[in-house]
Amino acid sequence: MKILDIFRNRIVIFGIQFLILSLFIFIQSYTINLEFDAGIIKERELIIQFLANYVFFDKVSGLLFVYIIWFTVSLIPIFVYVDFKKAYSLNLLAFFFFNFFLYVFLSRYSGEYFNSNFRFHFINTILLGIFIVGISITLSIILKKIIKSIKKPQIANLEAIARSISTKCPKCGTEFNSRPKICYNCNRDLTIKKES
């Protein structure tokens, strides 16, 4: 199995995205301040806080940070696949994975906070999701056009090389896309130069 095939695996890409997101959050010590309901178990509070750090923000600096980290990890499927459908589906999969579990835990274990802040967080979630889809589609299409423009001259060069090495048998007229020593059709020795 080639190394590139390993990186094209959806689980591997999700794992890489998760690690990069976690690394950004750890390095920046980013934490959103949530007000949990009274009586919530500390373990549940930690899980909700952990998930919220990936997608929630409450200040402009938090908004910029969250958008930048999601922009960064969105580039991975774009460059791996150069296909906007695969890129945006993988990016949304990663994005909604965190959101799904965050909203489930928050609604179940901190209902008061969830109900009072749902509209704000949900609108921000939708806007961030649209941003991720937009980036995935736009950059994938641009990258595909760049690659196509680079490959076009290469294909033209290969076609010119193929034409330059084509051979025609002087006896029977059989055409070859190479320089064989003997014509397979009439068994003429093609290495002999034509006498003048």
N, C-alpha and C. Protein backbone atom coordinates (compact mmCIF):
# COMPACT_ATOMS: atom_id res chain seq x y z
N MET A 1 0.85 -1.19 0.00
CA MET A 1 0.00 0.00 0.00
C MET A 1 0.89 1.24 0.00
N LYS A 2 0.58 2.18 -0.87
CA LYS A 2 1.37 3.39 -0.98
C LYS A 2 1.04 4.33 0.18
N ILE A 3 2.00 5.20 0.49
CA ILE A 3 1.81 6.16 1.58
C ILE A 3 0.66 7.10 1.26
N LEU A 4 0.55 7.52 0.00
CA LEU A 4 -0.54 8.42 -0.39
C LEU A 4 -1.91 7.77 -0.18
N ASP A 5 -2.00 6.45 -0.43
CA ASP A 5 -3.27 5.73 -0.21
C ASP A 5 -3.65 5.74 1.27
N ILE A 6 -2.66 5.66 2.15
CA ILE A 6 -2.93 5.71 3.59
C ILE A 6 -3.51 7.07 3.96
N PHE A 7 -2.93 8.15 3.38
CA PHE A 7 -3.42 9.49 3.69
C PHE A 7 -4.76 9.79 3.05
N ARG A 8 -5.17 8.99 2.07
CA ARG A 8 -6.48 9.20 1.45
C ARG A 8 -7.60 8.49 2.22
N ASN A 9 -7.25 7.75 3.24
CA ASN A 9 -8.23 7.08 4.07
C ASN A 9 -8.96 8.13 4.91
N ARG A 10 -10.28 8.07 4.92
CA ARG A 10 -11.08 9.08 5.63
C ARG A 10 -10.78 9.12 7.12
N ILE A 11 -10.58 7.98 7.72
CA ILE A 11 -10.31 7.93 9.17
C ILE A 11 -8.96 8.58 9.47
N VAL A 12 -7.97 8.33 8.62
CA VAL A 12 -6.65 8.93 8.82
C VAL A 12 -6.73 10.44 8.68
N ILE A 13 -7.47 10.92 7.67
CA ILE A 13 -7.62 12.37 7.49
C ILE A 13 -8.33 12.99 8.68
N PHE A 14 -9.39 12.33 9.16
CA PHE A 14 -10.09 12.84 10.33
C PHE A 14 -9.15 12.88 11.54
N GLY A 15 -8.34 11.84 11.71
CA GLY A 15 -7.39 11.80 12.81
C GLY A 15 -6.37 12.92 12.74
N ILE A 16 -5.88 13.19 11.53
CA ILE A 16 -4.92 14.28 11.33
C ILE A 16 -5.58 15.63 11.64
N GLN A 17 -6.82 15.80 11.16
CA GLN A 17 -7.54 17.05 11.44
C GLN A 17 -7.74 17.23 12.95
N PHE A 18 -8.12 16.16 13.63
CA PHE A 18 -8.33 16.21 15.07
C PHE A 18 -7.04 16.58 15.80
N LEU A 19 -5.93 15.96 15.38
CA LEU A 19 -4.65 16.26 16.03
C LEU A 19 -4.23 17.71 15.81
N ILE A 20 -4.40 18.20 14.60
CA ILE A 20 -4.02 19.60 14.32
C ILE A 20 -4.90 20.56 15.10
N LEU A 21 -6.20 20.31 15.12
CA LEU A 21 -7.10 21.16 15.91
C LEU A 21 -6.68 21.16 17.38
N SER A 22 -6.43 19.98 17.91
CA SER A 22 -6.04 19.85 19.32
C SER A 22 -4.73 20.57 19.59
N LEU A 23 -3.79 20.44 18.65
CA LEU A 23 -2.49 21.11 18.81
C LEU A 23 -2.65 22.63 18.84
N PHE A 24 -3.45 23.17 17.92
CA PHE A 24 -3.71 24.61 17.92
C PHE A 24 -4.33 25.06 19.24
N ILE A 25 -5.34 24.32 19.70
CA ILE A 25 -6.03 24.69 20.94
C ILE A 25 -5.09 24.62 22.13
N PHE A 26 -4.25 23.57 22.16
CA PHE A 26 -3.30 23.41 23.26
C PHE A 26 -2.24 24.51 23.25
N ILE A 27 -1.66 24.79 22.08
CA ILE A 27 -0.60 25.80 21.98
C ILE A 27 -1.13 27.19 22.36
N GLN A 28 -2.34 27.52 21.90
CA GLN A 28 -2.92 28.83 22.19
C GLN A 28 -3.63 28.88 23.55
N SER A 29 -3.73 27.74 24.21
CA SER A 29 -4.46 27.64 25.49
C SER A 29 -5.86 28.24 25.36
N TYR A 30 -6.52 27.89 24.26
CA TYR A 30 -7.85 28.44 23.98
C TYR A 30 -8.90 27.72 24.80
N THR A 31 -9.71 28.48 25.51
CA THR A 31 -10.82 27.94 26.27
C THR A 31 -11.97 28.92 26.22
N ILE A 32 -13.14 28.42 25.88
CA ILE A 32 -14.33 29.27 25.91
C ILE A 32 -14.96 29.15 27.30
N ASN A 33 -15.44 30.25 27.81
CA ASN A 33 -16.06 30.24 29.14
C ASN A 33 -17.52 29.83 29.03
N LEU A 34 -17.83 28.69 29.57
CA LEU A 34 -19.21 28.20 29.60
C LEU A 34 -19.73 28.27 31.03
N GLU A 35 -21.00 28.57 31.17
CA GLU A 35 -21.62 28.58 32.49
C GLU A 35 -22.49 27.34 32.60
N PHE A 36 -21.99 26.36 33.30
CA PHE A 36 -22.70 25.09 33.43
C PHE A 36 -23.78 25.19 34.49
N ASP A 37 -24.78 24.34 34.34
CA ASP A 37 -25.85 24.27 35.34
C ASP A 37 -25.26 23.76 36.65
N ALA A 38 -25.90 24.16 37.73
CA ALA A 38 -25.46 23.69 39.05
C ALA A 38 -25.69 22.18 39.15
N GLY A 39 -24.77 21.50 39.77
CA GLY A 39 -24.93 20.08 40.01
C GLY A 39 -24.40 19.18 38.90
N ILE A 40 -23.82 19.74 37.84
CA ILE A 40 -23.28 18.90 36.77
C ILE A 40 -22.02 18.19 37.26
N ILE A 41 -21.89 16.94 36.92
CA ILE A 41 -20.73 16.16 37.32
C ILE A 41 -19.48 16.71 36.64
N LYS A 42 -18.37 16.71 37.36
CA LYS A 42 -17.12 17.29 36.86
C LYS A 42 -16.67 16.63 35.55
N GLU A 43 -16.82 15.31 35.42
CA GLU A 43 -16.40 14.61 34.20
C GLU A 43 -17.20 15.08 32.99
N ARG A 44 -18.50 15.26 33.16
CA ARG A 44 -19.35 15.74 32.07
C ARG A 44 -18.98 17.17 31.71
N GLU A 45 -18.70 17.97 32.72
CA GLU A 45 -18.29 19.35 32.49
C GLU A 45 -17.01 19.39 31.66
N LEU A 46 -16.05 18.52 31.97
CA LEU A 46 -14.78 18.46 31.23
C LEU A 46 -15.00 18.04 29.78
N ILE A 47 -15.88 17.06 29.55
CA ILE A 47 -16.17 16.60 28.18
C ILE A 47 -16.81 17.72 27.37
N ILE A 48 -17.80 18.39 27.96
CA ILE A 48 -18.47 19.49 27.26
C ILE A 48 -17.49 20.62 26.97
N GLN A 49 -16.66 20.95 27.95
CA GLN A 49 -15.67 22.01 27.76
C GLN A 49 -14.68 21.64 26.65
N PHE A 50 -14.25 20.38 26.65
CA PHE A 50 -13.31 19.88 25.63
C PHE A 50 -13.91 20.05 24.24
N LEU A 51 -15.16 19.62 24.05
CA LEU A 51 -15.81 19.72 22.75
C LEU A 51 -16.11 21.17 22.36
N ALA A 52 -16.48 21.99 23.32
CA ALA A 52 -16.82 23.39 23.05
C ALA A 52 -15.61 24.18 22.55
N ASN A 53 -14.43 23.83 23.03
CA ASN A 53 -13.22 24.54 22.60
C ASN A 53 -12.96 24.40 21.11
N TYR A 54 -13.48 23.36 20.48
CA TYR A 54 -13.26 23.14 19.05
C TYR A 54 -14.19 23.98 18.16
N VAL A 55 -15.35 24.37 18.67
CA VAL A 55 -16.32 25.02 17.79
C VAL A 55 -16.98 26.28 18.33
N PHE A 56 -16.97 26.50 19.63
CA PHE A 56 -17.65 27.66 20.19
C PHE A 56 -16.68 28.82 20.38
N PHE A 57 -17.22 30.02 20.38
CA PHE A 57 -16.46 31.22 20.69
C PHE A 57 -17.42 32.24 21.27
N ASP A 58 -16.88 33.17 22.06
CA ASP A 58 -17.73 34.19 22.65
C ASP A 58 -17.20 35.60 22.42
N LYS A 59 -15.97 35.72 21.91
CA LYS A 59 -15.37 37.03 21.64
C LYS A 59 -14.89 37.05 20.19
N VAL A 60 -14.52 38.24 19.72
CA VAL A 60 -14.01 38.37 18.35
C VAL A 60 -12.71 37.60 18.20
N SER A 61 -11.85 37.63 19.21
CA SER A 61 -10.59 36.89 19.15
C SER A 61 -10.86 35.39 19.06
N GLY A 62 -11.88 34.93 19.76
CA GLY A 62 -12.26 33.52 19.70
C GLY A 62 -12.82 33.16 18.33
N LEU A 63 -13.62 34.08 17.76
CA LEU A 63 -14.16 33.87 16.42
C LEU A 63 -13.03 33.72 15.41
N LEU A 64 -12.06 34.63 15.44
CA LEU A 64 -10.93 34.56 14.52
C LEU A 64 -10.14 33.27 14.71
N PHE A 65 -9.91 32.89 15.95
CA PHE A 65 -9.15 31.68 16.24
C PHE A 65 -9.86 30.44 15.69
N VAL A 66 -11.16 30.33 15.98
CA VAL A 66 -11.92 29.16 15.52
C VAL A 66 -11.97 29.09 14.00
N TYR A 67 -12.19 30.21 13.35
CA TYR A 67 -12.24 30.23 11.88
C TYR A 67 -10.86 29.88 11.28
N ILE A 68 -9.80 30.38 11.89
CA ILE A 68 -8.45 30.10 11.37
C ILE A 68 -8.11 28.63 11.52
N ILE A 69 -8.41 28.03 12.66
CA ILE A 69 -8.06 26.61 12.83
C ILE A 69 -8.89 25.72 11.90
N TRP A 70 -10.15 26.07 11.71
CA TRP A 70 -10.97 25.26 10.81
C TRP A 70 -10.58 25.48 9.35
N PHE A 71 -10.16 26.68 9.00
CA PHE A 71 -9.64 26.93 7.66
C PHE A 71 -8.39 26.07 7.42
N THR A 72 -7.50 26.04 8.40
CA THR A 72 -6.26 25.29 8.29
C THR A 72 -6.51 23.80 8.10
N VAL A 73 -7.36 23.21 8.93
CA VAL A 73 -7.60 21.77 8.80
C VAL A 73 -8.45 21.43 7.58
N SER A 74 -9.19 22.41 7.07
CA SER A 74 -9.98 22.18 5.85
C SER A 74 -9.09 22.02 4.63
N LEU A 75 -7.87 22.53 4.70
CA LEU A 75 -6.95 22.42 3.57
C LEU A 75 -6.49 20.98 3.33
N ILE A 76 -6.49 20.16 4.36
CA ILE A 76 -5.95 18.80 4.23
C ILE A 76 -6.71 17.99 3.19
N PRO A 77 -8.04 17.81 3.29
CA PRO A 77 -8.74 17.06 2.24
C PRO A 77 -8.69 17.75 0.87
N ILE A 78 -8.60 19.07 0.86
CA ILE A 78 -8.54 19.80 -0.41
C ILE A 78 -7.28 19.39 -1.17
N PHE A 79 -6.14 19.37 -0.47
CA PHE A 79 -4.88 19.03 -1.13
C PHE A 79 -4.73 17.53 -1.38
N VAL A 80 -5.34 16.71 -0.53
CA VAL A 80 -5.22 15.26 -0.71
C VAL A 80 -6.06 14.79 -1.90
N TYR A 81 -7.28 15.30 -2.02
CA TYR A 81 -8.20 14.79 -3.05
C TYR A 81 -8.31 15.67 -4.29
N VAL A 82 -8.14 16.97 -4.16
CA VAL A 82 -8.35 17.93 -5.26
C VAL A 82 -9.72 17.68 -5.91
N ASP A 83 -10.69 17.40 -5.09
CA ASP A 83 -12.05 17.13 -5.54
C ASP A 83 -12.98 17.79 -4.52
N PHE A 84 -13.76 18.78 -4.97
CA PHE A 84 -14.53 19.56 -4.01
C PHE A 84 -15.58 18.73 -3.27
N LYS A 85 -16.14 17.70 -3.92
CA LYS A 85 -17.16 16.89 -3.24
C LYS A 85 -16.56 16.13 -2.07
N LYS A 86 -15.41 15.50 -2.30
CA LYS A 86 -14.75 14.76 -1.23
C LYS A 86 -14.23 15.71 -0.16
N ALA A 87 -13.71 16.86 -0.58
CA ALA A 87 -13.14 17.82 0.37
C ALA A 87 -14.21 18.35 1.32
N TYR A 88 -15.33 18.83 0.75
CA TYR A 88 -16.32 19.42 1.66
C TYR A 88 -17.04 18.35 2.47
N SER A 89 -17.20 17.14 1.93
CA SER A 89 -17.87 16.10 2.73
C SER A 89 -17.00 15.68 3.91
N LEU A 90 -15.69 15.56 3.70
CA LEU A 90 -14.80 15.21 4.81
C LEU A 90 -14.69 16.34 5.82
N ASN A 91 -14.64 17.57 5.34
CA ASN A 91 -14.54 18.70 6.26
C ASN A 91 -15.82 18.84 7.09
N LEU A 92 -16.97 18.65 6.46
CA LEU A 92 -18.23 18.72 7.22
C LEU A 92 -18.36 17.55 8.19
N LEU A 93 -17.87 16.39 7.79
CA LEU A 93 -17.90 15.23 8.68
C LEU A 93 -17.13 15.54 9.97
N ALA A 94 -15.92 16.09 9.83
CA ALA A 94 -15.12 16.44 11.00
C ALA A 94 -15.81 17.52 11.82
N PHE A 95 -16.31 18.54 11.14
CA PHE A 95 -16.93 19.67 11.83
C PHE A 95 -18.18 19.25 12.60
N PHE A 96 -19.06 18.49 11.95
CA PHE A 96 -20.30 18.11 12.61
C PHE A 96 -20.12 16.98 13.62
N PHE A 97 -19.02 16.27 13.55
CA PHE A 97 -18.72 15.28 14.59
C PHE A 97 -18.62 15.97 15.95
N PHE A 98 -17.81 17.02 16.01
CA PHE A 98 -17.64 17.76 17.26
C PHE A 98 -18.94 18.41 17.69
N ASN A 99 -19.63 19.04 16.74
CA ASN A 99 -20.88 19.74 17.06
C ASN A 99 -21.97 18.80 17.55
N PHE A 100 -22.10 17.66 16.90
CA PHE A 100 -23.15 16.72 17.29
C PHE A 100 -23.02 16.33 18.76
N PHE A 101 -21.83 15.87 19.13
CA PHE A 101 -21.64 15.42 20.52
C PHE A 101 -21.71 16.57 21.50
N LEU A 102 -21.22 17.74 21.10
CA LEU A 102 -21.30 18.91 21.98
C LEU A 102 -22.75 19.28 22.26
N TYR A 103 -23.57 19.36 21.22
CA TYR A 103 -24.97 19.73 21.41
C TYR A 103 -25.73 18.67 22.21
N VAL A 104 -25.43 17.40 21.97
CA VAL A 104 -26.11 16.33 22.72
C VAL A 104 -25.76 16.42 24.20
N PHE A 105 -24.46 16.51 24.52
CA PHE A 105 -24.04 16.57 25.92
C PHE A 105 -24.53 17.84 26.59
N LEU A 106 -24.45 18.96 25.88
CA LEU A 106 -24.85 20.24 26.47
C LEU A 106 -26.35 20.26 26.76
N SER A 107 -27.15 19.77 25.83
CA SER A 107 -28.59 19.77 26.05
C SER A 107 -29.01 18.81 27.16
N ARG A 108 -28.29 17.71 27.27
CA ARG A 108 -28.66 16.70 28.26
C ARG A 108 -28.18 17.05 29.67
N TYR A 109 -26.98 17.61 29.78
CA TYR A 109 -26.37 17.77 31.10
C TYR A 109 -26.25 19.21 31.57
N SER A 110 -26.53 20.17 30.70
CA SER A 110 -26.52 21.57 31.12
C SER A 110 -27.64 22.29 30.37
N GLY A 111 -28.85 21.85 30.63
CA GLY A 111 -30.03 22.30 29.89
C GLY A 111 -30.30 23.79 29.96
N GLU A 112 -30.09 24.39 31.14
CA GLU A 112 -30.36 25.82 31.28
C GLU A 112 -29.44 26.64 30.37
N TYR A 113 -28.15 26.33 30.42
CA TYR A 113 -27.20 27.06 29.57
C TYR A 113 -27.53 26.80 28.10
N PHE A 114 -27.83 25.57 27.77
CA PHE A 114 -28.13 25.19 26.38
C PHE A 114 -29.33 25.99 25.87
N ASN A 115 -30.42 26.02 26.66
CA ASN A 115 -31.64 26.72 26.23
C ASN A 115 -31.44 28.24 26.11
N SER A 116 -30.67 28.80 27.00
CA SER A 116 -30.48 30.26 26.96
C SER A 116 -29.49 30.71 25.89
N ASN A 117 -28.59 29.82 25.45
CA ASN A 117 -27.57 30.21 24.47
C ASN A 117 -27.67 29.44 23.16
N PHE A 118 -28.71 28.66 23.00
CA PHE A 118 -28.81 27.80 21.81
C PHE A 118 -28.79 28.61 20.51
N ARG A 119 -29.62 29.66 20.44
CA ARG A 119 -29.74 30.42 19.19
C ARG A 119 -28.38 31.01 18.78
N PHE A 120 -27.67 31.61 19.71
CA PHE A 120 -26.37 32.22 19.43
C PHE A 120 -25.39 31.17 18.90
N HIS A 121 -25.26 30.06 19.61
CA HIS A 121 -24.29 29.03 19.21
C HIS A 121 -24.72 28.33 17.91
N PHE A 122 -26.01 28.10 17.76
CA PHE A 122 -26.47 27.39 16.56
C PHE A 122 -26.25 28.23 15.29
N ILE A 123 -26.54 29.51 15.36
CA ILE A 123 -26.31 30.40 14.20
C ILE A 123 -24.82 30.43 13.85
N ASN A 124 -23.98 30.53 14.89
CA ASN A 124 -22.53 30.53 14.65
C ASN A 124 -22.06 29.20 14.06
N THR A 125 -22.66 28.11 14.49
CA THR A 125 -22.31 26.80 13.96
C THR A 125 -22.67 26.72 12.47
N ILE A 126 -23.86 27.18 12.12
CA ILE A 126 -24.29 27.16 10.71
C ILE A 126 -23.37 28.04 9.86
N LEU A 127 -23.04 29.22 10.35
CA LEU A 127 -22.16 30.13 9.59
C LEU A 127 -20.77 29.53 9.41
N LEU A 128 -20.24 28.90 10.44
CA LEU A 128 -18.93 28.27 10.32
C LEU A 128 -18.98 27.09 9.35
N GLY A 129 -20.08 26.34 9.39
CA GLY A 129 -20.25 25.23 8.44
C GLY A 129 -20.30 25.73 7.00
N ILE A 130 -21.02 26.83 6.75
CA ILE A 130 -21.08 27.42 5.41
C ILE A 130 -19.69 27.89 4.98
N PHE A 131 -18.96 28.49 5.90
CA PHE A 131 -17.60 28.93 5.61
C PHE A 131 -16.72 27.74 5.19
N ILE A 132 -16.81 26.65 5.92
CA ILE A 132 -16.00 25.46 5.61
C ILE A 132 -16.37 24.90 4.24
N VAL A 133 -17.66 24.81 3.94
CA VAL A 133 -18.10 24.32 2.63
C VAL A 133 -17.60 25.26 1.52
N GLY A 134 -17.75 26.55 1.73
CA GLY A 134 -17.30 27.54 0.74
C GLY A 134 -15.81 27.44 0.46
N ILE A 135 -15.02 27.34 1.52
CA ILE A 135 -13.57 27.21 1.38
C ILE A 135 -13.24 25.91 0.64
N SER A 136 -13.88 24.82 1.03
CA SER A 136 -13.60 23.51 0.42
C SER A 136 -13.89 23.52 -1.08
N ILE A 137 -15.03 24.07 -1.47
CA ILE A 137 -15.40 24.08 -2.88
C ILE A 137 -14.51 25.04 -3.67
N THR A 138 -14.35 26.26 -3.18
CA THR A 138 -13.58 27.28 -3.90
C THR A 138 -12.13 26.87 -4.09
N LEU A 139 -11.48 26.48 -3.01
CA LEU A 139 -10.05 26.13 -3.11
C LEU A 139 -9.83 24.85 -3.91
N SER A 140 -10.75 23.89 -3.83
CA SER A 140 -10.62 22.66 -4.62
C SER A 140 -10.69 22.97 -6.12
N ILE A 141 -11.63 23.83 -6.50
CA ILE A 141 -11.77 24.19 -7.92
C ILE A 141 -10.55 24.96 -8.40
N ILE A 142 -10.06 25.91 -7.60
CA ILE A 142 -8.87 26.68 -7.98
C ILE A 142 -7.66 25.76 -8.11
N LEU A 143 -7.48 24.87 -7.14
CA LEU A 143 -6.34 23.94 -7.18
C LEU A 143 -6.42 23.02 -8.38
N LYS A 144 -7.62 22.56 -8.70
CA LYS A 144 -7.79 21.68 -9.87
C LYS A 144 -7.41 22.41 -11.16
N LYS A 145 -7.80 23.69 -11.28
CA LYS A 145 -7.45 24.47 -12.47
C LYS A 145 -5.95 24.70 -12.56
N ILE A 146 -5.31 24.95 -11.44
CA ILE A 146 -3.86 25.15 -11.43
C ILE A 146 -3.14 23.88 -11.87
N ILE A 147 -3.57 22.74 -11.33
CA ILE A 147 -2.94 21.46 -11.70
C ILE A 147 -3.17 21.16 -13.17
N LYS A 148 -4.37 21.46 -13.66
CA LYS A 148 -4.68 21.22 -15.08
C LYS A 148 -3.81 22.08 -15.97
N SER A 149 -3.60 23.35 -15.60
CA SER A 149 -2.77 24.24 -16.41
C SER A 149 -1.30 23.81 -16.40
N ILE A 150 -0.87 23.18 -15.32
CA ILE A 150 0.51 22.67 -15.25
C ILE A 150 0.65 21.40 -16.08
N LYS A 151 -0.37 20.54 -16.04
CA LYS A 151 -0.30 19.26 -16.75
C LYS A 151 -0.45 19.41 -18.26
N LYS A 152 -1.18 20.45 -18.72
CA LYS A 152 -1.45 20.61 -20.15
C LYS A 152 -0.16 20.68 -20.97
N PRO A 153 0.83 21.53 -20.61
CA PRO A 153 2.07 21.55 -21.38
C PRO A 153 2.84 20.23 -21.30
N GLN A 154 2.74 19.56 -20.16
CA GLN A 154 3.44 18.28 -20.01
C GLN A 154 2.85 17.24 -20.96
N ILE A 155 1.53 17.22 -21.10
CA ILE A 155 0.88 16.28 -22.02
C ILE A 155 1.26 16.60 -23.46
N ALA A 156 1.30 17.89 -23.78
CA ALA A 156 1.69 18.30 -25.14
C ALA A 156 3.13 17.86 -25.44
N ASN A 157 4.02 18.00 -24.45
CA ASN A 157 5.41 17.56 -24.63
C ASN A 157 5.49 16.05 -24.84
N LEU A 158 4.70 15.30 -24.08
CA LEU A 158 4.70 13.84 -24.23
C LEU A 158 4.18 13.43 -25.60
N GLU A 159 3.15 14.14 -26.08
CA GLU A 159 2.61 13.83 -27.40
C GLU A 159 3.64 14.13 -28.49
N ALA A 160 4.40 15.22 -28.34
CA ALA A 160 5.45 15.56 -29.30
C ALA A 160 6.55 14.51 -29.30
N ILE A 161 6.90 14.03 -28.12
CA ILE A 161 7.91 12.98 -28.01
C ILE A 161 7.41 11.70 -28.67
N ALA A 162 6.15 11.37 -28.44
CA ALA A 162 5.57 10.16 -29.04
C ALA A 162 5.58 10.26 -30.57
N ARG A 163 5.27 11.44 -31.11
CA ARG A 163 5.28 11.62 -32.56
C ARG A 163 6.71 11.51 -33.11
N SER A 164 7.68 12.00 -32.34
CA SER A 164 9.06 12.00 -32.84
C SER A 164 9.67 10.61 -32.87
N ILE A 165 9.15 9.69 -32.09
CA ILE A 165 9.72 8.34 -32.10
C ILE A 165 8.89 7.36 -32.92
N SER A 166 7.88 7.85 -33.62
CA SER A 166 7.08 6.94 -34.44
C SER A 166 7.89 6.55 -35.69
N THR A 167 7.64 5.32 -36.15
CA THR A 167 8.37 4.77 -37.30
C THR A 167 7.38 4.16 -38.27
N LYS A 168 7.76 4.20 -39.55
CA LYS A 168 6.93 3.58 -40.59
C LYS A 168 7.83 2.64 -41.40
N CYS A 169 7.34 1.42 -41.58
CA CYS A 169 8.11 0.44 -42.35
C CYS A 169 8.12 0.87 -43.82
N PRO A 170 9.32 0.99 -44.44
CA PRO A 170 9.37 1.42 -45.84
C PRO A 170 8.87 0.35 -46.81
N LYS A 171 8.82 -0.90 -46.37
CA LYS A 171 8.41 -1.98 -47.27
C LYS A 171 6.89 -2.14 -47.30
N CYS A 172 6.26 -2.30 -46.10
CA CYS A 172 4.81 -2.58 -46.07
C CYS A 172 3.97 -1.40 -45.56
N GLY A 173 4.60 -0.37 -45.00
CA GLY A 173 3.87 0.81 -44.54
C GLY A 173 3.29 0.71 -43.14
N THR A 174 3.60 -0.36 -42.38
CA THR A 174 3.10 -0.49 -41.01
C THR A 174 3.69 0.62 -40.15
N GLU A 175 2.83 1.25 -39.33
CA GLU A 175 3.28 2.35 -38.47
C GLU A 175 3.47 1.84 -37.05
N PHE A 176 4.54 2.33 -36.41
CA PHE A 176 4.88 1.96 -35.03
C PHE A 176 5.00 3.23 -34.19
N ASN A 177 4.60 3.14 -32.93
CA ASN A 177 4.77 4.25 -31.99
C ASN A 177 6.06 4.08 -31.20
N SER A 178 7.04 3.48 -31.83
CA SER A 178 8.34 3.25 -31.23
C SER A 178 9.36 3.09 -32.35
N ARG A 179 10.56 2.66 -32.01
CA ARG A 179 11.61 2.42 -33.01
C ARG A 179 12.02 0.95 -32.93
N PRO A 180 11.20 0.06 -33.52
CA PRO A 180 11.56 -1.36 -33.48
C PRO A 180 12.70 -1.67 -34.45
N LYS A 181 13.35 -2.79 -34.18
CA LYS A 181 14.45 -3.21 -35.06
C LYS A 181 13.92 -3.98 -36.26
N ILE A 182 12.82 -4.71 -36.06
CA ILE A 182 12.25 -5.53 -37.13
C ILE A 182 10.76 -5.25 -37.22
N CYS A 183 10.25 -5.16 -38.45
CA CYS A 183 8.81 -4.97 -38.68
C CYS A 183 8.11 -6.30 -38.37
N TYR A 184 7.13 -6.26 -37.48
CA TYR A 184 6.42 -7.50 -37.13
C TYR A 184 5.52 -7.97 -38.27
N ASN A 185 5.19 -7.10 -39.22
CA ASN A 185 4.28 -7.44 -40.31
C ASN A 185 5.00 -8.14 -41.46
N CYS A 186 6.16 -7.60 -41.87
CA CYS A 186 6.85 -8.18 -43.03
C CYS A 186 8.26 -8.67 -42.71
N ASN A 187 8.66 -8.59 -41.45
CA ASN A 187 9.97 -9.06 -40.97
C ASN A 187 11.15 -8.32 -41.61
N ARG A 188 10.94 -7.12 -42.07
CA ARG A 188 12.03 -6.34 -42.64
C ARG A 188 12.87 -5.79 -41.50
N ASP A 189 14.18 -5.78 -41.70
CA ASP A 189 15.14 -5.21 -40.75
C ASP A 189 15.05 -3.70 -40.88
N LEU A 190 14.56 -3.03 -39.83
CA LEU A 190 14.37 -1.59 -39.88
C LEU A 190 15.62 -0.81 -39.44
N THR A 191 16.66 -1.50 -39.05
CA THR A 191 17.89 -0.81 -38.66
C THR A 191 18.74 -0.48 -39.87
N ILE A 192 18.47 -1.12 -41.03
CA ILE A 192 19.23 -0.86 -42.25
C ILE A 192 18.81 0.48 -42.83
N LYS A 193 19.79 1.32 -43.08
CA LYS A 193 19.51 2.64 -43.66
C LYS A 193 19.11 2.47 -45.11
N LYS A 194 18.22 3.31 -45.58
CA LYS A 194 17.76 3.28 -46.96
C LYS A 194 18.91 3.72 -47.87
N GLU A 195 19.18 2.89 -48.87
CA GLU A 195 20.27 3.20 -49.80
C GLU A 195 19.80 4.26 -50.79
N SER A 196 20.74 5.19 -51.10
CA SER A 196 20.39 6.25 -52.05
C SER A 196 20.78 5.91 -53.46
